[in-house]
N, C-alpha and C. Protein backbone atom coordinates (compact mmCIF):
# COMPACT_ATOMS: atom_id res chain seq x y z
N MET A 1 201.34 92.65 76.49
CA MET A 1 200.67 91.49 75.94
C MET A 1 200.43 90.46 77.04
N ILE A 2 199.35 89.74 76.90
CA ILE A 2 198.99 88.78 77.92
C ILE A 2 199.71 87.44 77.74
N PHE A 3 200.14 87.12 76.53
CA PHE A 3 200.74 85.83 76.26
C PHE A 3 202.26 85.88 76.14
N THR A 4 202.90 86.89 76.66
CA THR A 4 204.35 86.99 76.50
C THR A 4 205.10 85.99 77.38
N LEU A 5 204.61 85.70 78.58
CA LEU A 5 205.32 84.77 79.45
C LEU A 5 205.37 83.36 78.87
N PRO A 6 204.25 82.80 78.37
CA PRO A 6 204.37 81.47 77.75
C PRO A 6 205.29 81.47 76.53
N LYS A 7 205.32 82.58 75.78
CA LYS A 7 206.21 82.63 74.62
C LYS A 7 207.66 82.57 75.04
N ILE A 8 207.97 83.15 76.18
CA ILE A 8 209.35 83.18 76.64
C ILE A 8 209.72 81.85 77.31
N LEU A 9 208.85 81.31 78.15
CA LEU A 9 209.19 80.14 78.95
C LEU A 9 209.05 78.81 78.22
N TYR A 10 208.05 78.67 77.37
CA TYR A 10 207.77 77.37 76.76
C TYR A 10 208.42 77.25 75.40
N LYS A 11 208.93 76.06 75.14
CA LYS A 11 209.42 75.74 73.81
C LYS A 11 208.24 75.38 72.94
N PRO A 12 208.39 75.32 71.61
CA PRO A 12 207.23 75.07 70.74
C PRO A 12 206.46 73.79 71.07
N GLY A 13 207.11 72.71 71.42
CA GLY A 13 206.40 71.49 71.77
C GLY A 13 205.57 71.64 73.03
N MET A 14 206.10 72.38 73.99
CA MET A 14 205.38 72.59 75.25
C MET A 14 204.15 73.46 75.04
N LYS A 15 204.23 74.44 74.14
CA LYS A 15 203.06 75.28 73.86
C LYS A 15 201.91 74.42 73.30
N GLY A 16 202.23 73.53 72.39
CA GLY A 16 201.21 72.65 71.81
C GLY A 16 200.62 71.71 72.85
N LEU A 17 201.47 71.20 73.72
CA LEU A 17 200.99 70.31 74.78
C LEU A 17 200.05 71.06 75.73
N MET A 18 200.41 72.27 76.10
CA MET A 18 199.56 73.06 77.00
C MET A 18 198.22 73.40 76.32
N LEU A 19 198.26 73.70 75.03
CA LEU A 19 197.02 73.96 74.30
C LEU A 19 196.14 72.71 74.27
N ALA A 20 196.75 71.55 74.03
CA ALA A 20 195.99 70.30 74.02
C ALA A 20 195.38 70.02 75.39
N VAL A 21 196.11 70.28 76.45
CA VAL A 21 195.59 70.05 77.80
C VAL A 21 194.41 70.97 78.08
N MET A 22 194.51 72.23 77.70
CA MET A 22 193.42 73.18 77.95
C MET A 22 192.19 72.83 77.13
N LEU A 23 192.37 72.42 75.88
CA LEU A 23 191.23 72.04 75.05
C LEU A 23 190.57 70.76 75.58
N ALA A 24 191.37 69.81 76.06
CA ALA A 24 190.80 68.59 76.63
C ALA A 24 189.97 68.91 77.88
N ALA A 25 190.46 69.81 78.71
CA ALA A 25 189.71 70.20 79.91
C ALA A 25 188.41 70.91 79.52
N LEU A 26 188.44 71.73 78.49
CA LEU A 26 187.24 72.41 78.01
C LEU A 26 186.23 71.40 77.48
N MET A 27 186.69 70.44 76.69
CA MET A 27 185.78 69.43 76.14
C MET A 27 185.16 68.59 77.25
N SER A 28 185.93 68.28 78.27
CA SER A 28 185.41 67.50 79.39
C SER A 28 184.33 68.28 80.14
N SER A 29 184.56 69.55 80.35
CA SER A 29 183.57 70.39 81.05
C SER A 29 182.29 70.52 80.23
N LEU A 30 182.42 70.72 78.93
CA LEU A 30 181.25 70.85 78.08
C LEU A 30 180.45 69.55 78.03
N THR A 31 181.14 68.42 77.97
CA THR A 31 180.45 67.14 77.97
C THR A 31 179.66 66.95 79.26
N SER A 32 180.24 67.35 80.36
CA SER A 32 179.55 67.24 81.64
C SER A 32 178.30 68.12 81.66
N ILE A 33 178.40 69.31 81.14
CA ILE A 33 177.25 70.22 81.10
C ILE A 33 176.15 69.66 80.22
N PHE A 34 176.52 69.13 79.04
CA PHE A 34 175.53 68.57 78.13
C PHE A 34 174.83 67.36 78.74
N ASN A 35 175.59 66.49 79.41
CA ASN A 35 174.98 65.33 80.05
C ASN A 35 174.03 65.75 81.17
N SER A 36 174.41 66.75 81.93
CA SER A 36 173.55 67.22 83.01
C SER A 36 172.26 67.82 82.47
N ALA A 37 172.36 68.61 81.41
CA ALA A 37 171.16 69.21 80.81
C ALA A 37 170.23 68.14 80.26
N SER A 38 170.81 67.12 79.63
CA SER A 38 170.00 66.03 79.09
C SER A 38 169.31 65.25 80.21
N THR A 39 170.01 65.00 81.28
CA THR A 39 169.43 64.27 82.40
C THR A 39 168.31 65.07 83.07
N ILE A 40 168.53 66.36 83.25
CA ILE A 40 167.50 67.20 83.86
C ILE A 40 166.24 67.22 82.99
N PHE A 41 166.42 67.38 81.68
CA PHE A 41 165.27 67.39 80.78
C PHE A 41 164.53 66.06 80.83
N THR A 42 165.29 64.96 80.75
CA THR A 42 164.65 63.64 80.69
C THR A 42 163.93 63.30 81.99
N MET A 43 164.61 63.45 83.10
CA MET A 43 164.04 62.98 84.36
C MET A 43 163.03 63.95 84.97
N ASP A 44 163.21 65.24 84.75
CA ASP A 44 162.31 66.21 85.38
C ASP A 44 161.17 66.64 84.47
N ILE A 45 161.45 66.86 83.22
CA ILE A 45 160.41 67.39 82.32
C ILE A 45 159.68 66.26 81.60
N TRP A 46 160.45 65.34 80.96
CA TRP A 46 159.80 64.30 80.17
C TRP A 46 159.00 63.34 81.06
N LYS A 47 159.52 63.00 82.23
CA LYS A 47 158.76 62.13 83.12
C LYS A 47 157.51 62.81 83.66
N LEU A 48 157.52 64.13 83.73
CA LEU A 48 156.33 64.87 84.13
C LEU A 48 155.28 64.83 83.02
N ILE A 49 155.73 64.92 81.78
CA ILE A 49 154.81 64.89 80.63
C ILE A 49 154.25 63.48 80.43
N ARG A 50 155.15 62.49 80.43
CA ARG A 50 154.74 61.08 80.22
C ARG A 50 155.10 60.27 81.45
N LYS A 51 154.15 60.09 82.32
CA LYS A 51 154.40 59.41 83.59
C LYS A 51 154.69 57.92 83.42
N GLU A 52 154.18 57.32 82.35
CA GLU A 52 154.34 55.88 82.12
C GLU A 52 155.46 55.59 81.10
N ALA A 53 156.44 56.45 81.01
CA ALA A 53 157.52 56.25 80.04
C ALA A 53 158.41 55.08 80.46
N SER A 54 158.74 54.23 79.48
CA SER A 54 159.61 53.09 79.77
C SER A 54 161.07 53.56 79.85
N ASP A 55 161.92 52.67 80.35
CA ASP A 55 163.35 53.00 80.43
C ASP A 55 163.94 53.25 79.04
N PHE A 56 163.54 52.44 78.08
CA PHE A 56 164.04 52.61 76.72
C PHE A 56 163.64 53.98 76.15
N GLU A 57 162.41 54.38 76.40
CA GLU A 57 161.95 55.69 75.93
C GLU A 57 162.74 56.82 76.59
N LEU A 58 163.03 56.69 77.86
CA LEU A 58 163.82 57.71 78.55
C LEU A 58 165.23 57.80 77.99
N ILE A 59 165.81 56.65 77.63
CA ILE A 59 167.15 56.66 77.03
C ILE A 59 167.12 57.36 75.68
N VAL A 60 166.13 57.04 74.86
CA VAL A 60 166.03 57.67 73.54
C VAL A 60 165.81 59.17 73.67
N VAL A 61 164.92 59.57 74.56
CA VAL A 61 164.64 60.99 74.77
C VAL A 61 165.89 61.71 75.28
N GLY A 62 166.63 61.06 76.17
CA GLY A 62 167.86 61.67 76.68
C GLY A 62 168.89 61.89 75.58
N ARG A 63 169.04 60.91 74.71
CA ARG A 63 170.01 61.05 73.62
C ARG A 63 169.60 62.13 72.64
N TYR A 64 168.31 62.10 72.24
CA TYR A 64 167.86 63.14 71.31
C TYR A 64 167.80 64.50 71.98
N GLY A 65 167.52 64.52 73.26
CA GLY A 65 167.52 65.79 73.98
C GLY A 65 168.89 66.42 74.00
N ARG A 66 169.92 65.60 74.14
CA ARG A 66 171.29 66.13 74.13
C ARG A 66 171.64 66.70 72.76
N VAL A 67 171.29 65.98 71.70
CA VAL A 67 171.59 66.45 70.35
C VAL A 67 170.83 67.74 70.05
N SER A 68 169.55 67.77 70.40
CA SER A 68 168.77 68.98 70.12
C SER A 68 169.24 70.15 70.97
N HIS A 69 169.66 69.88 72.21
CA HIS A 69 170.18 70.95 73.05
C HIS A 69 171.45 71.55 72.43
N ASN A 70 172.33 70.69 71.93
CA ASN A 70 173.54 71.19 71.29
C ASN A 70 173.22 72.01 70.05
N ASN A 71 172.25 71.54 69.26
CA ASN A 71 171.88 72.27 68.05
C ASN A 71 171.25 73.62 68.38
N LEU A 72 170.38 73.64 69.37
CA LEU A 72 169.74 74.91 69.75
C LEU A 72 170.77 75.90 70.30
N LYS A 73 171.72 75.40 71.08
CA LYS A 73 172.76 76.28 71.60
C LYS A 73 173.61 76.85 70.46
N SER A 74 173.94 76.01 69.50
CA SER A 74 174.75 76.47 68.37
C SER A 74 174.00 77.52 67.56
N ILE A 75 172.74 77.27 67.30
CA ILE A 75 171.93 78.23 66.54
C ILE A 75 171.80 79.55 67.30
N SER A 76 171.57 79.47 68.61
CA SER A 76 171.41 80.70 69.38
C SER A 76 172.71 81.50 69.42
N HIS A 77 173.85 80.80 69.47
CA HIS A 77 175.12 81.53 69.45
C HIS A 77 175.38 82.16 68.08
N ILE A 78 175.02 81.46 67.02
CA ILE A 78 175.20 82.01 65.68
C ILE A 78 174.31 83.24 65.49
N LEU A 79 173.06 83.12 65.88
CA LEU A 79 172.13 84.24 65.72
C LEU A 79 172.51 85.40 66.65
N GLY A 80 172.98 85.07 67.83
CA GLY A 80 173.40 86.12 68.76
C GLY A 80 174.62 86.88 68.24
N ALA A 81 175.49 86.18 67.55
CA ALA A 81 176.68 86.83 67.02
C ALA A 81 176.35 87.74 65.85
N GLN A 82 175.24 87.45 65.14
CA GLN A 82 174.89 88.25 63.98
C GLN A 82 174.06 89.48 64.37
N TRP A 83 173.46 89.47 65.53
CA TRP A 83 172.60 90.61 65.90
C TRP A 83 173.40 91.75 66.38
């Protein structure tokens, strides 16, 4: 088994703490990826489409771009798991 060493070495409280640390690191990495994807879309693609976009418009597009990117990724993973 791959998880036998943590079962032997860690007490129950330590196992939960290690799980929380790993999940926090995962959430931090995912947030960074989502922010980067939103920035790339906004600054490279949207500014190419609308050259006269205001700062407020870029902020709104960036926020909605992040939400739509997350939704599209979720849908693609769900559909990919069913195929």
